Amino acid sequence: MPSVFAGLERKVSAAVDGLYGEITRVHYRVTGGNFGSTADGGALPAQVVGIVDFKPVVVRMQDKSQYDGFQPDLAGDKSHVSYAESAFVAPNRFPRAGDEIELIDRAGFARLKVVRVDPDGIGRFICVCT
């Protein structure tokens, strides 16, 4: 029997996903070897509701010379997508590093690449993406 806290966490996750969730599609990549950039033909994409946190960032270049020449700023982005573990059919279907997450609800925004997956220990995990 699940704990009371686990039941509460499921209810809170469902409420938060209902209010702030977006439909995403996880595209799995082949693991191992030199094939990490190719789609895994044996794994169908998973369509899952997740909470997307998109934060544009600007990277400022550092120069160690004595001259203050032109230093360009590079635009980048850092995104997090939070999923409830229960949204996936099995743990082996969780996103992993190298997979891509397609943001279906955002027009003109293609895909995010998963860099790292961090479990939060209470039934959700966060995919750190670029």
N, C-alpha and C. Protein backbone atom coordinates (compact mmCIF):
# COMPACT_ATOMS: atom_id res chain seq x y z
N MET A 1 0.84 -1.18 0.00
CA MET A 1 0.00 0.00 0.00
C MET A 1 0.88 1.24 0.00
N PRO A 2 0.62 2.19 -0.95
CA PRO A 2 1.45 3.40 -0.98
C PRO A 2 1.22 4.27 0.24
N SER A 3 2.23 5.04 0.57
CA SER A 3 2.13 5.90 1.73
C SER A 3 1.16 7.05 1.47
N VAL A 4 0.72 7.69 2.53
CA VAL A 4 -0.17 8.84 2.41
C VAL A 4 0.54 9.96 1.66
N PHE A 5 1.82 10.14 1.95
CA PHE A 5 2.59 11.18 1.28
C PHE A 5 2.68 10.92 -0.22
N ALA A 6 2.87 9.67 -0.63
CA ALA A 6 2.93 9.33 -2.05
C ALA A 6 1.60 9.64 -2.74
N GLY A 7 0.50 9.34 -2.07
CA GLY A 7 -0.82 9.66 -2.63
C GLY A 7 -1.02 11.16 -2.77
N LEU A 8 -0.58 11.91 -1.77
CA LEU A 8 -0.68 13.37 -1.83
C LEU A 8 0.18 13.92 -2.97
N GLU A 9 1.38 13.38 -3.13
CA GLU A 9 2.26 13.83 -4.19
C GLU A 9 1.63 13.59 -5.55
N ARG A 10 1.00 12.45 -5.74
CA ARG A 10 0.34 12.17 -7.03
C ARG A 10 -0.77 13.17 -7.31
N LYS A 11 -1.54 13.51 -6.28
CA LYS A 11 -2.63 14.47 -6.45
C LYS A 11 -2.10 15.86 -6.77
N VAL A 12 -1.06 16.27 -6.06
CA VAL A 12 -0.46 17.59 -6.32
C VAL A 12 0.14 17.64 -7.71
N SER A 13 0.86 16.59 -8.12
CA SER A 13 1.45 16.55 -9.46
C SER A 13 0.37 16.62 -10.52
N ALA A 14 -0.72 15.90 -10.34
CA ALA A 14 -1.80 15.92 -11.32
C ALA A 14 -2.43 17.31 -11.40
N ALA A 15 -2.60 17.99 -10.26
CA ALA A 15 -3.17 19.34 -10.25
C ALA A 15 -2.25 20.34 -10.94
N VAL A 16 -0.96 20.26 -10.65
CA VAL A 16 0.01 21.17 -11.27
C VAL A 16 0.11 20.91 -12.77
N ASP A 17 0.15 19.64 -13.17
CA ASP A 17 0.18 19.32 -14.60
C ASP A 17 -1.08 19.82 -15.29
N GLY A 18 -2.23 19.73 -14.62
CA GLY A 18 -3.48 20.20 -15.20
C GLY A 18 -3.50 21.71 -15.40
N LEU A 19 -2.88 22.45 -14.48
CA LEU A 19 -2.87 23.91 -14.59
C LEU A 19 -1.78 24.44 -15.51
N TYR A 20 -0.58 23.88 -15.41
CA TYR A 20 0.58 24.45 -16.10
C TYR A 20 1.20 23.53 -17.15
N GLY A 21 0.68 22.34 -17.29
CA GLY A 21 1.30 21.36 -18.18
C GLY A 21 1.11 21.66 -19.65
N GLU A 22 2.07 21.20 -20.44
CA GLU A 22 2.02 21.30 -21.89
C GLU A 22 2.21 19.91 -22.47
N ILE A 23 1.61 19.68 -23.61
CA ILE A 23 1.81 18.39 -24.27
C ILE A 23 3.17 18.40 -24.94
N THR A 24 3.97 17.40 -24.62
CA THR A 24 5.29 17.24 -25.23
C THR A 24 5.38 15.86 -25.85
N ARG A 25 6.33 15.70 -26.72
CA ARG A 25 6.58 14.39 -27.32
C ARG A 25 8.06 14.07 -27.15
N VAL A 26 8.35 12.94 -26.51
CA VAL A 26 9.73 12.52 -26.27
C VAL A 26 10.15 11.62 -27.43
N HIS A 27 11.22 12.03 -28.12
CA HIS A 27 11.78 11.26 -29.22
C HIS A 27 13.04 10.57 -28.68
N TYR A 28 13.00 9.27 -28.65
CA TYR A 28 14.10 8.49 -28.09
C TYR A 28 15.23 8.35 -29.09
N ARG A 29 16.46 8.32 -28.60
CA ARG A 29 17.65 8.17 -29.41
C ARG A 29 18.29 6.82 -29.14
N VAL A 30 19.06 6.36 -30.10
CA VAL A 30 19.79 5.09 -29.94
C VAL A 30 20.85 5.30 -28.86
N THR A 31 20.97 4.33 -27.96
CA THR A 31 21.97 4.44 -26.90
C THR A 31 23.24 3.70 -27.29
N GLY A 32 24.36 4.24 -26.81
CA GLY A 32 25.65 3.57 -26.97
C GLY A 32 26.27 3.75 -28.33
N GLY A 33 27.56 3.47 -28.38
CA GLY A 33 28.30 3.52 -29.63
C GLY A 33 28.32 4.89 -30.25
N ASN A 34 28.41 4.92 -31.56
CA ASN A 34 28.46 6.17 -32.30
C ASN A 34 27.10 6.56 -32.86
N PHE A 35 26.04 5.99 -32.32
CA PHE A 35 24.72 6.18 -32.91
C PHE A 35 23.82 7.07 -32.06
N GLY A 36 24.36 7.79 -31.09
CA GLY A 36 23.55 8.58 -30.16
C GLY A 36 22.76 9.70 -30.81
N SER A 37 23.12 10.12 -32.02
CA SER A 37 22.41 11.22 -32.66
C SER A 37 21.30 10.75 -33.59
N THR A 38 21.10 9.45 -33.69
CA THR A 38 20.06 8.94 -34.59
C THR A 38 18.86 8.47 -33.80
N ALA A 39 17.70 8.58 -34.43
CA ALA A 39 16.46 8.17 -33.77
C ALA A 39 16.45 6.66 -33.58
N ASP A 40 15.83 6.25 -32.48
CA ASP A 40 15.68 4.83 -32.19
C ASP A 40 14.41 4.35 -32.88
N GLY A 41 14.57 3.64 -33.99
CA GLY A 41 13.43 3.19 -34.77
C GLY A 41 12.55 2.20 -34.04
N GLY A 42 13.08 1.52 -33.03
CA GLY A 42 12.29 0.54 -32.29
C GLY A 42 11.48 1.14 -31.16
N ALA A 43 11.73 2.41 -30.83
CA ALA A 43 11.02 3.06 -29.73
C ALA A 43 10.13 4.18 -30.27
N LEU A 44 8.83 3.99 -30.18
CA LEU A 44 7.91 5.02 -30.63
C LEU A 44 7.97 6.22 -29.69
N PRO A 45 7.80 7.43 -30.22
CA PRO A 45 7.80 8.61 -29.35
C PRO A 45 6.68 8.53 -28.31
N ALA A 46 6.94 9.07 -27.14
CA ALA A 46 5.95 9.11 -26.06
C ALA A 46 5.37 10.51 -25.98
N GLN A 47 4.05 10.62 -25.99
CA GLN A 47 3.39 11.91 -25.85
C GLN A 47 2.95 12.06 -24.40
N VAL A 48 3.52 13.05 -23.71
CA VAL A 48 3.36 13.18 -22.26
C VAL A 48 3.16 14.65 -21.90
N VAL A 49 2.38 14.88 -20.85
CA VAL A 49 2.21 16.24 -20.33
C VAL A 49 3.35 16.53 -19.37
N GLY A 50 4.03 17.65 -19.59
CA GLY A 50 5.13 18.07 -18.72
C GLY A 50 5.06 19.57 -18.49
N ILE A 51 5.80 20.04 -17.52
CA ILE A 51 5.87 21.47 -17.23
C ILE A 51 7.18 21.99 -17.79
N VAL A 52 7.07 22.93 -18.73
CA VAL A 52 8.23 23.46 -19.43
C VAL A 52 8.62 24.79 -18.82
N ASP A 53 9.89 24.91 -18.47
CA ASP A 53 10.44 26.16 -17.94
C ASP A 53 11.56 26.57 -18.87
N PHE A 54 11.29 27.58 -19.68
CA PHE A 54 12.25 28.03 -20.69
C PHE A 54 12.86 29.35 -20.25
N LYS A 55 14.18 29.38 -20.10
CA LYS A 55 14.87 30.58 -19.65
C LYS A 55 15.98 30.93 -20.65
N PRO A 56 15.79 31.99 -21.43
CA PRO A 56 16.90 32.40 -22.29
C PRO A 56 18.04 32.95 -21.45
N VAL A 57 19.26 32.66 -21.82
CA VAL A 57 20.43 33.16 -21.12
C VAL A 57 21.41 33.75 -22.12
N VAL A 58 22.24 34.66 -21.64
CA VAL A 58 23.28 35.26 -22.48
C VAL A 58 24.62 34.89 -21.87
N VAL A 59 25.48 34.31 -22.68
CA VAL A 59 26.81 33.91 -22.23
C VAL A 59 27.78 35.02 -22.60
N ARG A 60 28.46 35.56 -21.62
CA ARG A 60 29.44 36.62 -21.87
C ARG A 60 30.82 35.99 -21.96
N MET A 61 31.50 36.28 -23.04
CA MET A 61 32.83 35.72 -23.27
C MET A 61 33.84 36.40 -22.35
N GLN A 62 34.80 35.65 -21.88
CA GLN A 62 35.85 36.17 -21.02
C GLN A 62 37.16 36.15 -21.80
N ASP A 63 37.85 37.28 -21.79
CA ASP A 63 39.14 37.37 -22.47
C ASP A 63 40.21 37.58 -21.42
N LYS A 64 41.30 36.83 -21.51
CA LYS A 64 42.37 36.93 -20.51
C LYS A 64 43.52 37.82 -20.98
N SER A 65 43.35 38.49 -22.11
CA SER A 65 44.42 39.35 -22.60
C SER A 65 44.30 40.73 -21.97
N GLN A 66 45.29 41.56 -22.17
CA GLN A 66 45.27 42.89 -21.58
C GLN A 66 44.47 43.88 -22.41
N TYR A 67 44.07 43.49 -23.60
CA TYR A 67 43.33 44.38 -24.48
C TYR A 67 41.83 44.16 -24.33
N ASP A 68 41.10 45.24 -24.30
CA ASP A 68 39.64 45.15 -24.22
C ASP A 68 39.06 45.26 -25.62
N GLY A 69 39.24 44.25 -26.38
CA GLY A 69 38.68 44.23 -27.73
C GLY A 69 37.21 43.87 -27.69
N PHE A 70 36.62 43.77 -28.85
CA PHE A 70 35.20 43.43 -28.93
C PHE A 70 35.01 41.99 -28.47
N GLN A 71 34.16 41.80 -27.49
CA GLN A 71 33.83 40.47 -27.00
C GLN A 71 32.35 40.23 -27.26
N PRO A 72 32.02 39.34 -28.16
CA PRO A 72 30.59 39.12 -28.46
C PRO A 72 29.89 38.39 -27.32
N ASP A 73 28.60 38.65 -27.20
CA ASP A 73 27.74 37.91 -26.29
C ASP A 73 27.06 36.83 -27.10
N LEU A 74 27.06 35.62 -26.59
CA LEU A 74 26.44 34.51 -27.29
C LEU A 74 25.08 34.22 -26.65
N ALA A 75 24.08 34.14 -27.49
CA ALA A 75 22.74 33.83 -26.99
C ALA A 75 22.60 32.32 -26.88
N GLY A 76 22.04 31.88 -25.82
CA GLY A 76 21.79 30.46 -25.62
C GLY A 76 20.49 30.29 -24.86
N ASP A 77 20.18 29.11 -24.51
CA ASP A 77 18.98 28.90 -23.71
C ASP A 77 19.16 27.70 -22.82
N LYS A 78 18.46 27.74 -21.74
CA LYS A 78 18.48 26.64 -20.79
C LYS A 78 17.04 26.35 -20.45
N SER A 79 16.65 25.12 -20.58
CA SER A 79 15.26 24.76 -20.34
C SER A 79 15.19 23.56 -19.42
N HIS A 80 14.11 23.50 -18.69
CA HIS A 80 13.82 22.35 -17.85
C HIS A 80 12.43 21.85 -18.20
N VAL A 81 12.28 20.56 -18.25
CA VAL A 81 10.96 19.97 -18.44
C VAL A 81 10.76 18.99 -17.29
N SER A 82 9.70 19.21 -16.52
CA SER A 82 9.41 18.37 -15.36
C SER A 82 8.28 17.42 -15.69
N TYR A 83 8.50 16.13 -15.39
CA TYR A 83 7.50 15.10 -15.65
C TYR A 83 7.20 14.33 -14.37
N ALA A 84 5.96 13.90 -14.26
CA ALA A 84 5.61 12.95 -13.20
C ALA A 84 6.04 11.56 -13.67
N GLU A 85 6.66 10.79 -12.79
CA GLU A 85 7.09 9.44 -13.15
C GLU A 85 5.92 8.59 -13.61
N SER A 86 4.75 8.83 -13.00
CA SER A 86 3.57 8.03 -13.34
C SER A 86 3.03 8.31 -14.73
N ALA A 87 3.51 9.36 -15.39
CA ALA A 87 3.04 9.69 -16.74
C ALA A 87 3.61 8.74 -17.80
N PHE A 88 4.65 8.00 -17.43
CA PHE A 88 5.29 7.07 -18.36
C PHE A 88 4.88 5.64 -18.02
N VAL A 89 4.80 4.78 -19.03
CA VAL A 89 4.33 3.41 -18.81
C VAL A 89 5.31 2.57 -18.00
N ALA A 90 6.60 2.88 -18.10
CA ALA A 90 7.62 2.11 -17.37
C ALA A 90 8.87 2.98 -17.21
N PRO A 91 9.69 2.71 -16.19
CA PRO A 91 10.91 3.49 -15.99
C PRO A 91 11.87 3.46 -17.19
N ASN A 92 11.86 2.38 -17.97
CA ASN A 92 12.76 2.34 -19.12
C ASN A 92 12.29 3.27 -20.25
N ARG A 93 11.12 3.89 -20.10
CA ARG A 93 10.61 4.85 -21.07
C ARG A 93 10.82 6.30 -20.64
N PHE A 94 11.46 6.51 -19.46
CA PHE A 94 11.80 7.87 -19.04
C PHE A 94 12.79 8.46 -20.04
N PRO A 95 12.73 9.77 -20.27
CA PRO A 95 13.76 10.38 -21.13
C PRO A 95 15.14 10.22 -20.51
N ARG A 96 16.15 10.19 -21.35
CA ARG A 96 17.53 10.09 -20.89
C ARG A 96 18.39 11.04 -21.72
N ALA A 97 19.61 11.27 -21.31
CA ALA A 97 20.51 12.19 -22.00
C ALA A 97 20.61 11.79 -23.48
N GLY A 98 20.48 12.78 -24.35
CA GLY A 98 20.55 12.55 -25.79
C GLY A 98 19.20 12.51 -26.46
N ASP A 99 18.15 12.21 -25.71
CA ASP A 99 16.80 12.19 -26.28
C ASP A 99 16.37 13.63 -26.58
N GLU A 100 15.34 13.76 -27.40
CA GLU A 100 14.82 15.08 -27.73
C GLU A 100 13.37 15.20 -27.27
N ILE A 101 13.02 16.39 -26.82
CA ILE A 101 11.65 16.67 -26.38
C ILE A 101 11.07 17.72 -27.32
N GLU A 102 10.00 17.35 -27.98
CA GLU A 102 9.31 18.26 -28.89
C GLU A 102 8.21 18.98 -28.12
N LEU A 103 8.18 20.30 -28.24
CA LEU A 103 7.16 21.10 -27.57
C LEU A 103 6.02 21.32 -28.56
N ILE A 104 5.00 20.52 -28.43
CA ILE A 104 3.90 20.53 -29.39
C ILE A 104 3.06 21.79 -29.26
N ASP A 105 2.84 22.26 -28.03
CA ASP A 105 1.96 23.41 -27.80
C ASP A 105 2.59 24.75 -28.15
N ARG A 106 3.88 24.81 -28.40
CA ARG A 106 4.55 26.08 -28.71
C ARG A 106 4.83 26.17 -30.20
N ALA A 107 4.13 27.05 -30.86
CA ALA A 107 4.31 27.22 -32.30
C ALA A 107 5.69 27.80 -32.59
N GLY A 108 6.35 27.25 -33.59
CA GLY A 108 7.65 27.76 -34.00
C GLY A 108 8.82 27.34 -33.13
N PHE A 109 8.57 26.52 -32.13
CA PHE A 109 9.64 26.07 -31.24
C PHE A 109 9.79 24.57 -31.43
N ALA A 110 10.87 24.17 -32.02
CA ALA A 110 11.00 22.77 -32.45
C ALA A 110 11.26 21.81 -31.29
N ARG A 111 12.52 21.54 -30.99
CA ARG A 111 12.86 20.50 -30.02
C ARG A 111 13.94 20.95 -29.05
N LEU A 112 13.92 20.33 -27.89
CA LEU A 112 14.96 20.51 -26.89
C LEU A 112 15.74 19.21 -26.78
N LYS A 113 17.04 19.31 -26.56
CA LYS A 113 17.87 18.11 -26.38
C LYS A 113 18.12 17.92 -24.89
N VAL A 114 17.85 16.72 -24.41
CA VAL A 114 18.04 16.41 -22.99
C VAL A 114 19.53 16.24 -22.71
N VAL A 115 20.03 17.01 -21.75
CA VAL A 115 21.43 16.93 -21.34
C VAL A 115 21.58 16.05 -20.11
N ARG A 116 20.63 16.19 -19.18
CA ARG A 116 20.72 15.46 -17.92
C ARG A 116 19.32 15.25 -17.38
N VAL A 117 19.11 14.17 -16.65
CA VAL A 117 17.83 13.89 -16.00
C VAL A 117 18.07 13.77 -14.50
N ASP A 118 17.37 14.61 -13.74
CA ASP A 118 17.53 14.64 -12.29
C ASP A 118 16.23 14.25 -11.61
N PRO A 119 16.19 13.10 -10.92
CA PRO A 119 14.99 12.76 -10.15
C PRO A 119 14.89 13.65 -8.92
N ASP A 120 13.66 14.01 -8.53
CA ASP A 120 13.51 14.85 -7.35
C ASP A 120 13.25 14.04 -6.08
N GLY A 121 13.08 12.73 -6.23
CA GLY A 121 12.91 11.87 -5.06
C GLY A 121 11.49 11.77 -4.55
N ILE A 122 10.55 12.51 -5.15
CA ILE A 122 9.16 12.45 -4.68
C ILE A 122 8.19 12.22 -5.85
N GLY A 123 8.64 11.46 -6.84
CA GLY A 123 7.73 11.06 -7.90
C GLY A 123 7.79 11.87 -9.18
N ARG A 124 8.71 12.82 -9.27
CA ARG A 124 8.89 13.59 -10.50
C ARG A 124 10.37 13.57 -10.86
N PHE A 125 10.66 13.93 -12.09
CA PHE A 125 12.06 14.13 -12.48
C PHE A 125 12.11 15.32 -13.43
N ILE A 126 13.29 15.93 -13.48
CA ILE A 126 13.49 17.13 -14.29
C ILE A 126 14.50 16.83 -15.37
N CYS A 127 14.13 17.11 -16.60
CA CYS A 127 15.04 16.99 -17.75
C CYS A 127 15.66 18.35 -18.00
N VAL A 128 16.97 18.44 -17.82
CA VAL A 128 17.70 19.67 -18.12
C VAL A 128 18.05 19.61 -19.60
N CYS A 129 17.66 20.65 -20.34
CA CYS A 129 17.78 20.62 -21.80
C CYS A 129 18.50 21.84 -22.33
N THR A 130 18.95 21.73 -23.57
CA THR A 130 19.51 22.88 -24.30
C THR A 130 18.79 23.00 -25.62
